[in-house]
Amino acid sequence: MADKISFHFWTITDYEKEEQFLRDQHREGWSLRRYLLPGFYLFDRCEPRDMVYRLDFDQAAKWEKTEYLKMYRDYGWEYLFEVNGFSYFRKPSDGAEDEDIEIFSDNESRLEMIRRIFRRRMVPLLCIFLCGVIPQLFIQSFLWTKDRYVASKVLTVTYLILFVMYIYLFVYCGIGIRRLKQKYEKNFEE
């Protein structure tokens, strides 16, 4: 049983905030044990230590996974687990500079991860939105008459809520991806 359970919801573009949250928790004496969907973190009590957490959006094939994990292990990273395509790693900072505790060797690697996130997460969500949510919203709204059942009205409201949530997530994640891309491109040019 975990000593502490914490709930935090992050989107795919908030991975840097999630890394910092996990680092802060470890500094306070809480070591990440597990992640439960959606957004529940299980922590064990530990000695407070500056432990750096990094997430990598990896889509390596199962046969490549062993080599992928070995590469990170060779650089001192402890592999924790994978959640939704993100691999969780940690290692002690030991007073190292921020550049020395990065999981990526260069900004081009970071940009490639942003591209993978966009292709593997945002594009499928957009397809679901365009092919599922929007058509159902229109179908349900056309069925909404005084003679229709309550179920039809409930479905219409449900699809309307989904529509608003999808729009919010697209805008939020789109801005986040753009921000990260600009940040890494700026650093790449320097």
N, C-alpha and C. Protein backbone atom coordinates (compact mmCIF):
# COMPACT_ATOMS: atom_id res chain seq x y z
N MET A 1 0.85 -1.19 0.00
CA MET A 1 0.00 0.00 0.00
C MET A 1 0.88 1.24 0.00
N ALA A 2 0.52 2.19 -0.81
CA ALA A 2 1.28 3.44 -0.90
C ALA A 2 1.06 4.29 0.35
N ASP A 3 2.08 5.08 0.64
CA ASP A 3 2.00 5.98 1.79
C ASP A 3 1.20 7.24 1.48
N LYS A 4 1.15 7.59 0.18
CA LYS A 4 0.47 8.83 -0.21
C LYS A 4 -0.11 8.66 -1.60
N ILE A 5 -1.31 9.15 -1.78
CA ILE A 5 -1.95 9.17 -3.09
C ILE A 5 -2.24 10.62 -3.42
N SER A 6 -1.86 11.03 -4.61
CA SER A 6 -2.05 12.42 -5.01
C SER A 6 -2.70 12.44 -6.40
N PHE A 7 -3.59 13.39 -6.60
CA PHE A 7 -4.25 13.52 -7.90
C PHE A 7 -3.80 14.80 -8.57
N HIS A 8 -3.31 14.67 -9.79
CA HIS A 8 -2.98 15.81 -10.65
C HIS A 8 -3.27 15.41 -12.07
N PHE A 9 -3.93 16.30 -12.79
CA PHE A 9 -4.24 16.01 -14.19
C PHE A 9 -3.35 16.88 -15.07
N TRP A 10 -2.64 16.24 -15.97
CA TRP A 10 -1.78 16.95 -16.91
C TRP A 10 -2.19 16.55 -18.32
N THR A 11 -2.05 17.46 -19.26
CA THR A 11 -2.27 17.10 -20.66
C THR A 11 -0.94 16.67 -21.25
N ILE A 12 -0.97 16.26 -22.51
CA ILE A 12 0.25 15.75 -23.15
C ILE A 12 1.32 16.82 -23.30
N THR A 13 0.94 18.07 -23.24
CA THR A 13 1.94 19.14 -23.38
C THR A 13 2.42 19.67 -22.04
N ASP A 14 1.94 19.10 -20.96
CA ASP A 14 2.34 19.54 -19.62
C ASP A 14 3.40 18.63 -19.00
N TYR A 15 4.08 17.85 -19.82
CA TYR A 15 5.00 16.87 -19.25
C TYR A 15 6.14 17.52 -18.47
N GLU A 16 6.56 18.73 -18.83
CA GLU A 16 7.61 19.41 -18.07
C GLU A 16 7.11 19.78 -16.66
N LYS A 17 5.85 20.20 -16.58
CA LYS A 17 5.25 20.52 -15.27
C LYS A 17 5.13 19.25 -14.43
N GLU A 18 4.77 18.15 -15.08
CA GLU A 18 4.66 16.88 -14.36
C GLU A 18 6.03 16.44 -13.84
N GLU A 19 7.08 16.60 -14.66
CA GLU A 19 8.44 16.28 -14.21
C GLU A 19 8.82 17.09 -12.98
N GLN A 20 8.51 18.38 -13.01
CA GLN A 20 8.84 19.25 -11.88
C GLN A 20 8.04 18.87 -10.64
N PHE A 21 6.77 18.54 -10.83
CA PHE A 21 5.94 18.09 -9.71
C PHE A 21 6.54 16.85 -9.04
N LEU A 22 6.94 15.88 -9.85
CA LEU A 22 7.52 14.65 -9.30
C LEU A 22 8.85 14.93 -8.60
N ARG A 23 9.64 15.83 -9.16
CA ARG A 23 10.91 16.21 -8.52
C ARG A 23 10.66 16.88 -7.17
N ASP A 24 9.69 17.79 -7.14
CA ASP A 24 9.35 18.48 -5.88
C ASP A 24 8.86 17.48 -4.83
N GLN A 25 8.07 16.51 -5.25
CA GLN A 25 7.58 15.50 -4.32
C GLN A 25 8.75 14.71 -3.72
N HIS A 26 9.72 14.35 -4.55
CA HIS A 26 10.86 13.58 -4.06
C HIS A 26 11.71 14.43 -3.09
N ARG A 27 11.84 15.71 -3.40
CA ARG A 27 12.56 16.60 -2.48
C ARG A 27 11.88 16.68 -1.12
N GLU A 28 10.56 16.49 -1.11
CA GLU A 28 9.79 16.52 0.13
C GLU A 28 9.73 15.14 0.80
N GLY A 29 10.37 14.13 0.18
CA GLY A 29 10.41 12.81 0.78
C GLY A 29 9.34 11.85 0.28
N TRP A 30 8.89 12.06 -0.95
CA TRP A 30 7.89 11.17 -1.55
C TRP A 30 8.39 10.64 -2.88
N SER A 31 8.70 9.36 -2.91
CA SER A 31 9.21 8.69 -4.11
C SER A 31 8.05 8.10 -4.91
N LEU A 32 8.02 8.40 -6.20
CA LEU A 32 6.95 7.87 -7.06
C LEU A 32 7.05 6.36 -7.15
N ARG A 33 5.95 5.70 -6.85
CA ARG A 33 5.91 4.24 -6.98
C ARG A 33 5.14 3.82 -8.22
N ARG A 34 3.96 4.41 -8.41
CA ARG A 34 3.09 4.02 -9.51
C ARG A 34 2.21 5.17 -9.94
N TYR A 35 1.71 5.04 -11.13
CA TYR A 35 0.75 5.99 -11.68
C TYR A 35 -0.50 5.21 -12.04
N LEU A 36 -1.63 5.68 -11.59
CA LEU A 36 -2.90 5.07 -11.93
C LEU A 36 -3.71 6.05 -12.75
N LEU A 37 -4.35 5.57 -13.76
CA LEU A 37 -5.16 6.44 -14.59
C LEU A 37 -6.46 6.75 -13.88
N PRO A 38 -7.04 7.83 -14.04
CA PRO A 38 -6.50 9.05 -14.64
C PRO A 38 -5.95 9.99 -13.57
N GLY A 39 -4.69 10.21 -13.60
CA GLY A 39 -4.05 11.24 -12.78
C GLY A 39 -3.75 10.93 -11.34
N PHE A 40 -3.86 9.69 -10.91
CA PHE A 40 -3.57 9.35 -9.52
C PHE A 40 -2.14 8.82 -9.41
N TYR A 41 -1.37 9.47 -8.54
CA TYR A 41 0.02 9.08 -8.30
C TYR A 41 0.12 8.41 -6.94
N LEU A 42 0.84 7.31 -6.88
CA LEU A 42 1.10 6.62 -5.62
C LEU A 42 2.55 6.87 -5.24
N PHE A 43 2.75 7.36 -4.01
CA PHE A 43 4.09 7.69 -3.52
C PHE A 43 4.41 6.88 -2.28
N ASP A 44 5.68 6.54 -2.13
CA ASP A 44 6.19 5.92 -0.92
C ASP A 44 7.04 6.94 -0.19
N ARG A 45 7.03 6.86 1.14
CA ARG A 45 7.86 7.74 1.97
C ARG A 45 9.32 7.36 1.72
N CYS A 46 10.20 8.36 1.59
CA CYS A 46 11.62 8.13 1.36
C CYS A 46 12.41 9.28 1.99
N GLU A 47 13.71 9.15 1.95
CA GLU A 47 14.57 10.23 2.40
C GLU A 47 14.47 11.37 1.38
N PRO A 48 14.26 12.60 1.82
CA PRO A 48 14.23 13.71 0.86
C PRO A 48 15.54 13.77 0.08
N ARG A 49 15.42 13.91 -1.22
CA ARG A 49 16.59 13.93 -2.10
C ARG A 49 16.20 14.62 -3.39
N ASP A 50 17.17 15.28 -4.00
CA ASP A 50 16.91 15.94 -5.28
C ASP A 50 17.03 14.89 -6.38
N MET A 51 15.89 14.32 -6.74
CA MET A 51 15.81 13.29 -7.76
C MET A 51 15.13 13.89 -8.98
N VAL A 52 15.79 13.79 -10.12
CA VAL A 52 15.26 14.35 -11.37
C VAL A 52 14.38 13.30 -12.04
N TYR A 53 13.22 13.72 -12.45
CA TYR A 53 12.29 12.85 -13.18
C TYR A 53 12.21 13.37 -14.61
N ARG A 54 12.21 12.44 -15.56
CA ARG A 54 12.05 12.80 -16.96
C ARG A 54 11.06 11.86 -17.62
N LEU A 55 10.31 12.42 -18.56
CA LEU A 55 9.36 11.64 -19.34
C LEU A 55 9.78 11.67 -20.80
N ASP A 56 9.66 10.54 -21.44
CA ASP A 56 9.97 10.45 -22.87
C ASP A 56 8.77 9.81 -23.55
N PHE A 57 8.28 10.46 -24.58
CA PHE A 57 7.17 9.90 -25.34
C PHE A 57 7.78 8.96 -26.37
N ASP A 58 7.83 7.70 -25.99
CA ASP A 58 8.51 6.70 -26.81
C ASP A 58 7.49 5.80 -27.47
N GLN A 59 7.69 5.56 -28.72
CA GLN A 59 6.83 4.62 -29.43
C GLN A 59 7.67 3.51 -30.05
N ALA A 60 8.68 3.09 -29.32
CA ALA A 60 9.55 2.02 -29.79
C ALA A 60 8.77 0.72 -29.85
N ALA A 61 9.09 -0.07 -30.84
CA ALA A 61 8.48 -1.39 -30.96
C ALA A 61 8.96 -2.25 -29.79
N LYS A 62 8.17 -3.27 -29.46
CA LYS A 62 8.52 -4.12 -28.31
C LYS A 62 9.91 -4.71 -28.44
N TRP A 63 10.31 -5.07 -29.63
CA TRP A 63 11.65 -5.66 -29.81
C TRP A 63 12.76 -4.62 -29.67
N GLU A 64 12.43 -3.34 -29.81
CA GLU A 64 13.41 -2.27 -29.62
C GLU A 64 13.44 -1.78 -28.16
N LYS A 65 12.44 -2.12 -27.39
CA LYS A 65 12.30 -1.58 -26.04
C LYS A 65 13.49 -1.94 -25.15
N THR A 66 14.02 -3.15 -25.28
CA THR A 66 15.15 -3.56 -24.46
C THR A 66 16.36 -2.67 -24.72
N GLU A 67 16.65 -2.40 -25.98
CA GLU A 67 17.78 -1.53 -26.33
C GLU A 67 17.53 -0.09 -25.87
N TYR A 68 16.31 0.36 -26.03
CA TYR A 68 15.92 1.69 -25.60
C TYR A 68 16.17 1.87 -24.11
N LEU A 69 15.69 0.93 -23.31
CA LEU A 69 15.87 1.01 -21.86
C LEU A 69 17.33 0.84 -21.45
N LYS A 70 18.06 0.00 -22.15
CA LYS A 70 19.49 -0.20 -21.85
C LYS A 70 20.27 1.09 -22.08
N MET A 71 19.93 1.81 -23.14
CA MET A 71 20.61 3.07 -23.44
C MET A 71 20.44 4.05 -22.28
N TYR A 72 19.22 4.18 -21.77
CA TYR A 72 18.99 5.10 -20.66
C TYR A 72 19.65 4.62 -19.37
N ARG A 73 19.61 3.33 -19.15
CA ARG A 73 20.26 2.76 -17.97
C ARG A 73 21.77 3.05 -17.99
N ASP A 74 22.38 2.95 -19.18
CA ASP A 74 23.81 3.24 -19.33
C ASP A 74 24.15 4.68 -18.97
N TYR A 75 23.19 5.57 -19.12
CA TYR A 75 23.39 6.97 -18.75
C TYR A 75 22.93 7.29 -17.33
N GLY A 76 22.61 6.26 -16.57
CA GLY A 76 22.28 6.44 -15.16
C GLY A 76 20.81 6.65 -14.84
N TRP A 77 19.92 6.48 -15.81
CA TRP A 77 18.50 6.69 -15.58
C TRP A 77 17.85 5.39 -15.12
N GLU A 78 17.01 5.50 -14.12
CA GLU A 78 16.23 4.37 -13.64
C GLU A 78 14.87 4.41 -14.34
N TYR A 79 14.52 3.33 -15.00
CA TYR A 79 13.23 3.23 -15.67
C TYR A 79 12.18 2.84 -14.63
N LEU A 80 11.07 3.58 -14.59
CA LEU A 80 10.02 3.29 -13.62
C LEU A 80 8.88 2.49 -14.25
N PHE A 81 8.27 3.05 -15.29
CA PHE A 81 7.14 2.41 -15.95
C PHE A 81 6.75 3.24 -17.16
N GLU A 82 5.73 2.76 -17.87
CA GLU A 82 5.21 3.49 -19.02
C GLU A 82 3.72 3.70 -18.83
N VAL A 83 3.26 4.90 -19.16
CA VAL A 83 1.85 5.25 -19.08
C VAL A 83 1.49 6.06 -20.33
N ASN A 84 0.51 5.58 -21.07
CA ASN A 84 0.02 6.29 -22.26
C ASN A 84 1.13 6.68 -23.24
N GLY A 85 2.10 5.83 -23.41
CA GLY A 85 3.18 6.12 -24.34
C GLY A 85 4.34 6.90 -23.74
N PHE A 86 4.18 7.43 -22.53
CA PHE A 86 5.25 8.15 -21.86
C PHE A 86 6.01 7.19 -20.95
N SER A 87 7.33 7.12 -21.15
CA SER A 87 8.20 6.34 -20.27
C SER A 87 8.70 7.27 -19.17
N TYR A 88 8.62 6.81 -17.93
CA TYR A 88 9.03 7.58 -16.77
C TYR A 88 10.42 7.12 -16.31
N PHE A 89 11.33 8.08 -16.16
CA PHE A 89 12.69 7.81 -15.70
C PHE A 89 13.02 8.74 -14.54
N ARG A 90 14.01 8.34 -13.75
CA ARG A 90 14.52 9.23 -12.71
C ARG A 90 15.99 8.89 -12.44
N LYS A 91 16.68 9.91 -11.90
CA LYS A 91 18.04 9.71 -11.43
C LYS A 91 18.39 10.86 -10.51
N PRO A 92 19.34 10.62 -9.59
CA PRO A 92 19.73 11.69 -8.67
C PRO A 92 20.43 12.82 -9.41
N SER A 93 20.15 14.05 -8.99
CA SER A 93 20.80 15.17 -9.67
C SER A 93 22.23 15.33 -9.19
N ASP A 94 22.49 15.00 -7.93
CA ASP A 94 23.84 15.10 -7.35
C ASP A 94 24.51 16.44 -7.64
N GLY A 95 23.69 17.50 -7.63
CA GLY A 95 24.22 18.84 -7.83
C GLY A 95 24.61 19.16 -9.25
N ALA A 96 24.24 18.31 -10.20
CA ALA A 96 24.61 18.53 -11.60
C ALA A 96 23.84 19.72 -12.18
N GLU A 97 24.43 20.32 -13.19
CA GLU A 97 23.76 21.39 -13.92
C GLU A 97 22.57 20.82 -14.67
N ASP A 98 21.61 21.68 -15.00
CA ASP A 98 20.41 21.22 -15.69
C ASP A 98 20.71 20.51 -17.00
N GLU A 99 21.74 20.96 -17.72
CA GLU A 99 22.08 20.33 -19.00
C GLU A 99 22.53 18.89 -18.81
N ASP A 100 23.14 18.60 -17.66
CA ASP A 100 23.68 17.27 -17.40
C ASP A 100 22.62 16.28 -16.93
N ILE A 101 21.44 16.77 -16.63
CA ILE A 101 20.39 15.87 -16.16
C ILE A 101 19.22 15.83 -17.14
N GLU A 102 19.51 16.12 -18.37
CA GLU A 102 18.50 16.03 -19.42
C GLU A 102 18.53 14.64 -20.03
N ILE A 103 17.37 14.17 -20.39
CA ILE A 103 17.27 12.86 -21.00
C ILE A 103 17.59 12.93 -22.50
N PHE A 104 17.42 14.11 -23.07
CA PHE A 104 17.71 14.30 -24.49
C PHE A 104 19.07 14.95 -24.65
N SER A 105 19.80 14.51 -25.66
CA SER A 105 21.15 15.04 -25.87
C SER A 105 21.13 16.36 -26.62
N ASP A 106 20.03 16.65 -27.32
CA ASP A 106 19.97 17.89 -28.08
C ASP A 106 18.52 18.32 -28.29
N ASN A 107 18.37 19.55 -28.77
CA ASN A 107 17.02 20.08 -28.98
C ASN A 107 16.32 19.43 -30.17
N GLU A 108 17.07 18.91 -31.13
CA GLU A 108 16.45 18.21 -32.25
C GLU A 108 15.70 16.97 -31.75
N SER A 109 16.26 16.29 -30.74
CA SER A 109 15.58 15.13 -30.14
C SER A 109 14.30 15.57 -29.45
N ARG A 110 14.34 16.71 -28.78
CA ARG A 110 13.13 17.23 -28.12
C ARG A 110 12.07 17.58 -29.16
N LEU A 111 12.49 18.21 -30.25
CA LEU A 111 11.55 18.56 -31.32
C LEU A 111 10.93 17.31 -31.92
N GLU A 112 11.72 16.27 -32.08
CA GLU A 112 11.19 15.01 -32.62
C GLU A 112 10.16 14.42 -31.67
N MET A 113 10.37 14.53 -30.35
CA MET A 113 9.38 14.04 -29.40
C MET A 113 8.08 14.83 -29.54
N ILE A 114 8.17 16.15 -29.71
CA ILE A 114 6.97 16.97 -29.89
C ILE A 114 6.22 16.53 -31.15
N ARG A 115 6.94 16.24 -32.21
CA ARG A 115 6.31 15.76 -33.45
C ARG A 115 5.60 14.41 -33.22
N ARG A 116 6.26 13.52 -32.45
CA ARG A 116 5.64 12.22 -32.16
C ARG A 116 4.37 12.40 -31.35
N ILE A 117 4.41 13.29 -30.36
CA ILE A 117 3.22 13.56 -29.55
C ILE A 117 2.09 14.05 -30.44
N PHE A 118 2.40 14.98 -31.33
CA PHE A 118 1.37 15.53 -32.22
C PHE A 118 0.79 14.43 -33.11
N ARG A 119 1.66 13.65 -33.75
CA ARG A 119 1.19 12.61 -34.68
C ARG A 119 0.43 11.50 -33.96
N ARG A 120 0.88 11.11 -32.79
CA ARG A 120 0.31 9.94 -32.12
C ARG A 120 -0.84 10.28 -31.18
N ARG A 121 -0.98 11.53 -30.78
CA ARG A 121 -2.05 11.88 -29.85
C ARG A 121 -3.04 12.89 -30.44
N MET A 122 -2.55 13.97 -31.00
CA MET A 122 -3.45 15.03 -31.47
C MET A 122 -4.19 14.62 -32.74
N VAL A 123 -3.52 14.00 -33.69
CA VAL A 123 -4.18 13.61 -34.94
C VAL A 123 -5.30 12.60 -34.69
N PRO A 124 -5.07 11.53 -33.91
CA PRO A 124 -6.19 10.61 -33.64
C PRO A 124 -7.36 11.29 -32.91
N LEU A 125 -7.05 12.18 -31.96
CA LEU A 125 -8.13 12.89 -31.27
C LEU A 125 -8.93 13.76 -32.24
N LEU A 126 -8.24 14.37 -33.17
CA LEU A 126 -8.92 15.18 -34.17
C LEU A 126 -9.83 14.31 -35.05
N CYS A 127 -9.37 13.14 -35.42
CA CYS A 127 -10.19 12.22 -36.21
C CYS A 127 -11.43 11.78 -35.45
N ILE A 128 -11.27 11.44 -34.18
CA ILE A 128 -12.41 11.05 -33.35
C ILE A 128 -13.40 12.21 -33.25
N PHE A 129 -12.86 13.40 -33.07
CA PHE A 129 -13.70 14.59 -32.96
C PHE A 129 -14.49 14.83 -34.24
N LEU A 130 -13.80 14.79 -35.37
CA LEU A 130 -14.46 15.09 -36.65
C LEU A 130 -15.40 13.98 -37.10
N CYS A 131 -15.05 12.73 -36.82
CA CYS A 131 -15.84 11.60 -37.31
C CYS A 131 -16.87 11.08 -36.30
N GLY A 132 -16.69 11.41 -35.03
CA GLY A 132 -17.58 10.88 -34.01
C GLY A 132 -18.40 11.91 -33.28
N VAL A 133 -17.73 12.85 -32.68
CA VAL A 133 -18.43 13.80 -31.81
C VAL A 133 -19.28 14.78 -32.60
N ILE A 134 -18.70 15.42 -33.60
CA ILE A 134 -19.46 16.43 -34.36
C ILE A 134 -20.67 15.82 -35.07
N PRO A 135 -20.53 14.70 -35.81
CA PRO A 135 -21.73 14.14 -36.44
C PRO A 135 -22.81 13.76 -35.43
N GLN A 136 -22.41 13.18 -34.30
CA GLN A 136 -23.41 12.80 -33.30
C GLN A 136 -24.09 14.03 -32.69
N LEU A 137 -23.34 15.09 -32.52
CA LEU A 137 -23.93 16.32 -31.98
C LEU A 137 -25.01 16.83 -32.92
N PHE A 138 -24.73 16.83 -34.22
CA PHE A 138 -25.73 17.31 -35.19
C PHE A 138 -26.91 16.35 -35.29
N ILE A 139 -26.63 15.06 -35.28
CA ILE A 139 -27.72 14.08 -35.36
C ILE A 139 -28.64 14.23 -34.15
N GLN A 140 -28.06 14.33 -32.97
CA GLN A 140 -28.87 14.45 -31.76
C GLN A 140 -29.64 15.77 -31.72
N SER A 141 -29.01 16.85 -32.21
CA SER A 141 -29.72 18.13 -32.18
C SER A 141 -30.90 18.14 -33.14
N PHE A 142 -30.80 17.41 -34.28
CA PHE A 142 -31.94 17.33 -35.20
C PHE A 142 -33.06 16.48 -34.62
N LEU A 143 -32.72 15.54 -33.74
CA LEU A 143 -33.73 14.69 -33.13
C LEU A 143 -34.42 15.36 -31.94
N TRP A 144 -33.88 16.48 -31.50
CA TRP A 144 -34.39 17.15 -30.31
C TRP A 144 -35.70 17.88 -30.65
N THR A 145 -36.77 17.29 -30.33
CA THR A 145 -38.09 17.91 -30.50
C THR A 145 -38.89 17.66 -29.23
N LYS A 146 -40.02 18.27 -29.16
CA LYS A 146 -40.87 18.10 -27.97
C LYS A 146 -41.36 16.67 -27.85
N ASP A 147 -41.47 15.98 -28.96
CA ASP A 147 -41.99 14.62 -28.95
C ASP A 147 -40.93 13.57 -28.62
N ARG A 148 -39.67 13.95 -28.61
CA ARG A 148 -38.58 12.98 -28.40
C ARG A 148 -38.42 12.63 -26.92
N TYR A 149 -37.80 11.52 -26.73
CA TYR A 149 -37.57 11.03 -25.37
C TYR A 149 -36.48 11.82 -24.67
N VAL A 150 -36.48 11.68 -23.36
CA VAL A 150 -35.47 12.34 -22.52
C VAL A 150 -34.08 11.84 -22.91
N ALA A 151 -33.97 10.57 -23.29
CA ALA A 151 -32.67 9.99 -23.65
C ALA A 151 -32.02 10.77 -24.79
N SER A 152 -32.80 11.18 -25.76
CA SER A 152 -32.26 11.94 -26.88
C SER A 152 -31.73 13.28 -26.41
N LYS A 153 -32.42 13.91 -25.49
CA LYS A 153 -31.97 15.19 -24.95
C LYS A 153 -30.71 15.01 -24.11
N VAL A 154 -30.66 13.93 -23.35
CA VAL A 154 -29.46 13.64 -22.55
C VAL A 154 -28.26 13.41 -23.47
N LEU A 155 -28.45 12.66 -24.54
CA LEU A 155 -27.36 12.42 -25.50
C LEU A 155 -26.91 13.72 -26.15
N THR A 156 -27.85 14.57 -26.49
CA THR A 156 -27.49 15.85 -27.09
C THR A 156 -26.62 16.67 -26.14
N VAL A 157 -27.03 16.76 -24.89
CA VAL A 157 -26.26 17.50 -23.89
C VAL A 157 -24.89 16.85 -23.69
N THR A 158 -24.85 15.52 -23.67
CA THR A 158 -23.58 14.80 -23.51
C THR A 158 -22.63 15.13 -24.66
N TYR A 159 -23.12 15.07 -25.89
CA TYR A 159 -22.27 15.38 -27.04
C TYR A 159 -21.88 16.85 -27.07
N LEU A 160 -22.73 17.72 -26.58
CA LEU A 160 -22.39 19.13 -26.49
C LEU A 160 -21.25 19.34 -25.48
N ILE A 161 -21.32 18.64 -24.35
CA ILE A 161 -20.24 18.72 -23.36
C ILE A 161 -18.94 18.18 -23.96
N LEU A 162 -19.02 17.04 -24.65
CA LEU A 162 -17.83 16.49 -25.31
C LEU A 162 -17.27 17.47 -26.34
N PHE A 163 -18.13 18.12 -27.08
CA PHE A 163 -17.71 19.10 -28.07
C PHE A 163 -16.91 20.22 -27.41
N VAL A 164 -17.44 20.76 -26.32
CA VAL A 164 -16.76 21.85 -25.61
C VAL A 164 -15.42 21.37 -25.04
N MET A 165 -15.41 20.15 -24.46
CA MET A 165 -14.17 19.61 -23.90
C MET A 165 -13.11 19.42 -24.99
N TYR A 166 -13.51 18.86 -26.12
CA TYR A 166 -12.56 18.66 -27.22
C TYR A 166 -12.01 19.99 -27.72
N ILE A 167 -12.86 20.98 -27.90
CA ILE A 167 -12.39 22.29 -28.36
C ILE A 167 -11.38 22.86 -27.37
N TYR A 168 -11.70 22.79 -26.08
CA TYR A 168 -10.78 23.29 -25.06
C TYR A 168 -9.44 22.56 -25.12
N LEU A 169 -9.49 21.22 -25.19
CA LEU A 169 -8.25 20.43 -25.23
C LEU A 169 -7.43 20.72 -26.49
N PHE A 170 -8.10 20.87 -27.64
CA PHE A 170 -7.37 21.17 -28.87
C PHE A 170 -6.67 22.52 -28.77
N VAL A 171 -7.37 23.50 -28.27
CA VAL A 171 -6.77 24.83 -28.14
C VAL A 171 -5.63 24.80 -27.12
N TYR A 172 -5.87 24.22 -25.95
CA TYR A 172 -4.86 24.17 -24.90
C TYR A 172 -3.62 23.39 -25.36
N CYS A 173 -3.83 22.20 -25.90
CA CYS A 173 -2.69 21.38 -26.34
C CYS A 173 -2.02 21.97 -27.58
N GLY A 174 -2.81 22.57 -28.46
CA GLY A 174 -2.22 23.21 -29.64
C GLY A 174 -1.29 24.35 -29.24
N ILE A 175 -1.73 25.17 -28.29
CA ILE A 175 -0.89 26.26 -27.78
C ILE A 175 0.34 25.67 -27.08
N GLY A 176 0.14 24.59 -26.32
CA GLY A 176 1.25 23.96 -25.62
C GLY A 176 2.29 23.38 -26.57
N ILE A 177 1.84 22.71 -27.61
CA ILE A 177 2.77 22.15 -28.60
C ILE A 177 3.51 23.26 -29.31
N ARG A 178 2.80 24.31 -29.66
CA ARG A 178 3.46 25.44 -30.33
C ARG A 178 4.50 26.09 -29.42
N ARG A 179 4.15 26.26 -28.13
CA ARG A 179 5.08 26.85 -27.17
C ARG A 179 6.34 25.99 -27.03
N LEU A 180 6.15 24.69 -26.86
CA LEU A 180 7.30 23.79 -26.72
C LEU A 180 8.15 23.77 -27.98
N LYS A 181 7.50 23.75 -29.12
CA LYS A 181 8.23 23.74 -30.39
C LYS A 181 9.05 25.01 -30.55
N GLN A 182 8.45 26.16 -30.24
CA GLN A 182 9.19 27.43 -30.34
C GLN A 182 10.35 27.46 -29.36
N LYS A 183 10.13 26.95 -28.15
CA LYS A 183 11.17 26.92 -27.14
C LYS A 183 12.36 26.08 -27.61
N TYR A 184 12.09 24.91 -28.13
CA TYR A 184 13.17 24.02 -28.56
C TYR A 184 13.81 24.49 -29.86
N GLU A 185 13.02 25.08 -30.76
CA GLU A 185 13.62 25.62 -31.99
C GLU A 185 14.53 26.81 -31.67
N LYS A 186 14.10 27.65 -30.73
CA LYS A 186 14.92 28.80 -30.31
C LYS A 186 16.25 28.32 -29.73
N ASN A 187 16.17 27.34 -28.84
CA ASN A 187 17.38 26.78 -28.25
C ASN A 187 18.23 26.06 -29.29
N PHE A 188 17.59 25.46 -30.30
CA PHE A 188 18.29 24.73 -31.35
C PHE A 188 19.13 25.67 -32.21
N GLU A 189 18.58 26.89 -32.45
CA GLU A 189 19.27 27.87 -33.28
C GLU A 189 20.45 28.50 -32.56
N GLU A 190 20.43 28.52 -31.24
CA GLU A 190 21.49 29.19 -30.46
C GLU A 190 22.76 28.38 -30.38
